[in-house]
Structure formats: structure tokens, C-alpha cells
Amino acid sequence: MSMLFPPKEIMRNIRIHNGSVYLVGEVTEEQKKIFQKFKKQVDEEKKKSRVETD
């Protein structure tokens, strides 16, 4: 599985726990949109890795 890093605009507001990605703290609407794109990438990567290992 490739490593995904959150964009620098939301790096301080990202928490990863048990394979799930969370946006925490006070964030702007722009940061929420960036997070949604990042979360979608993470979910797609997790789905790919499950298919490859099954």
C-alpha cells in the first residue's frame, strides 16, 4: 500500500486511529473540502489493498 500524506493545509487537524482518518479542531470550510478529497483517496487505497490481499 502506498503512503498517503495529508496536504499541509490540514496536517495539524488530521488524526489517524485504527486505520480511520479524522478531522479535528477548528477548521475552515476550505479545509473541510481538502479533507474530504484526502479521505476519499485514503478510502480508495484501503479498498485497493483489501482486494490485493484477499
C-alpha atoms as a PDB file:
ATOM      1  CA  MET A   1       0.000   0.000   0.000  1.00  0.00           C
ATOM      2  CA  SER A   2       1.340   3.421  -0.885  1.00  0.00           C
ATOM      3  CA  MET A   3       1.796   6.068   1.762  1.00  0.00           C
ATOM      4  CA  LEU A   4      -0.631   8.963   1.630  1.00  0.00           C
ATOM      5  CA  PHE A   5       0.150  12.166   3.432  1.00  0.00           C
ATOM      6  CA  PRO A   6      -2.441  14.828   4.121  1.00  0.00           C
ATOM      7  CA  PRO A   7      -1.992  18.192   2.431  1.00  0.00           C
ATOM      8  CA  LYS A   8      -0.067  20.694   4.532  1.00  0.00           C
ATOM      9  CA  GLU A   9      -3.198  22.882   4.869  1.00  0.00           C
ATOM     10  CA  ILE A  10      -4.845  20.273   7.104  1.00  0.00           C
ATOM     11  CA  MET A  11      -1.832  18.433   8.550  1.00  0.00           C
ATOM     12  CA  ARG A  12      -2.342  19.769  12.098  1.00  0.00           C
ATOM     13  CA  ASN A  13      -6.030  18.840  12.099  1.00  0.00           C
ATOM     14  CA  ILE A  14      -5.665  15.212  10.999  1.00  0.00           C
ATOM     15  CA  ARG A  15      -5.791  12.278  13.396  1.00  0.00           C
ATOM     16  CA  ILE A  16      -5.420   8.667  12.324  1.00  0.00           C
ATOM     17  CA  HIS A  17      -6.666   5.935  14.652  1.00  0.00           C
ATOM     18  CA  ASN A  18      -7.203   2.249  13.854  1.00  0.00           C
ATOM     19  CA  GLY A  19      -6.929   2.906  10.126  1.00  0.00           C
ATOM     20  CA  SER A  20      -9.541   5.677  10.149  1.00  0.00           C
ATOM     21  CA  VAL A  21      -8.837   9.308   9.365  1.00  0.00           C
ATOM     22  CA  TYR A  22     -10.444  12.101  11.381  1.00  0.00           C
ATOM     23  CA  LEU A  23     -10.529  15.880  11.057  1.00  0.00           C
ATOM     24  CA  VAL A  24     -10.309  17.520  14.491  1.00  0.00           C
ATOM     25  CA  GLY A  25     -10.181  21.003  15.953  1.00  0.00           C
ATOM     26  CA  GLU A  26     -11.356  24.253  14.451  1.00  0.00           C
ATOM     27  CA  VAL A  27     -11.270  24.131  10.664  1.00  0.00           C
ATOM     28  CA  THR A  28     -12.429  26.296   7.788  1.00  0.00           C
ATOM     29  CA  GLU A  29     -14.800  25.252   5.014  1.00  0.00           C
ATOM     30  CA  GLU A  30     -11.820  25.116   2.628  1.00  0.00           C
ATOM     31  CA  GLN A  31     -10.004  22.733   4.972  1.00  0.00           C
ATOM     32  CA  LYS A  32     -13.116  20.549   5.156  1.00  0.00           C
ATOM     33  CA  LYS A  33     -13.197  20.292   1.344  1.00  0.00           C
ATOM     34  CA  ILE A  34      -9.493  19.414   1.241  1.00  0.00           C
ATOM     35  CA  PHE A  35     -10.052  16.779   3.947  1.00  0.00           C
ATOM     36  CA  GLN A  36     -12.955  15.225   2.040  1.00  0.00           C
ATOM     37  CA  LYS A  37     -10.722  14.788  -1.030  1.00  0.00           C
ATOM     38  CA  PHE A  38      -7.946  13.322   1.115  1.00  0.00           C
ATOM     39  CA  LYS A  39     -10.364  10.971   2.918  1.00  0.00           C
ATOM     40  CA  LYS A  40     -11.673   9.747  -0.426  1.00  0.00           C
ATOM     41  CA  GLN A  41      -8.095   8.934  -1.535  1.00  0.00           C
ATOM     42  CA  VAL A  42      -7.450   7.055   1.721  1.00  0.00           C
ATOM     43  CA  ASP A  43     -10.661   5.049   1.376  1.00  0.00           C
ATOM     44  CA  GLU A  44      -9.806   4.133  -2.230  1.00  0.00           C
ATOM     45  CA  GLU A  45      -6.327   2.982  -1.176  1.00  0.00           C
ATOM     46  CA  LYS A  46      -7.772   0.885   1.658  1.00  0.00           C
ATOM     47  CA  LYS A  47     -10.226  -0.702  -0.765  1.00  0.00           C
ATOM     48  CA  LYS A  48      -7.400  -1.493  -3.237  1.00  0.00           C
ATOM     49  CA  SER A  49      -5.259  -3.035  -0.522  1.00  0.00           C
ATOM     50  CA  ARG A  50      -8.116  -5.242   0.666  1.00  0.00           C
ATOM     51  CA  VAL A  51      -8.681  -6.534  -2.860  1.00  0.00           C
ATOM     52  CA  GLU A  52      -4.975  -7.236  -3.335  1.00  0.00           C
ATOM     53  CA  THR A  53      -4.674  -9.203  -0.067  1.00  0.00           C
ATOM     54  CA  ASP A  54      -7.937 -11.149  -0.333  1.00  0.00           C
END
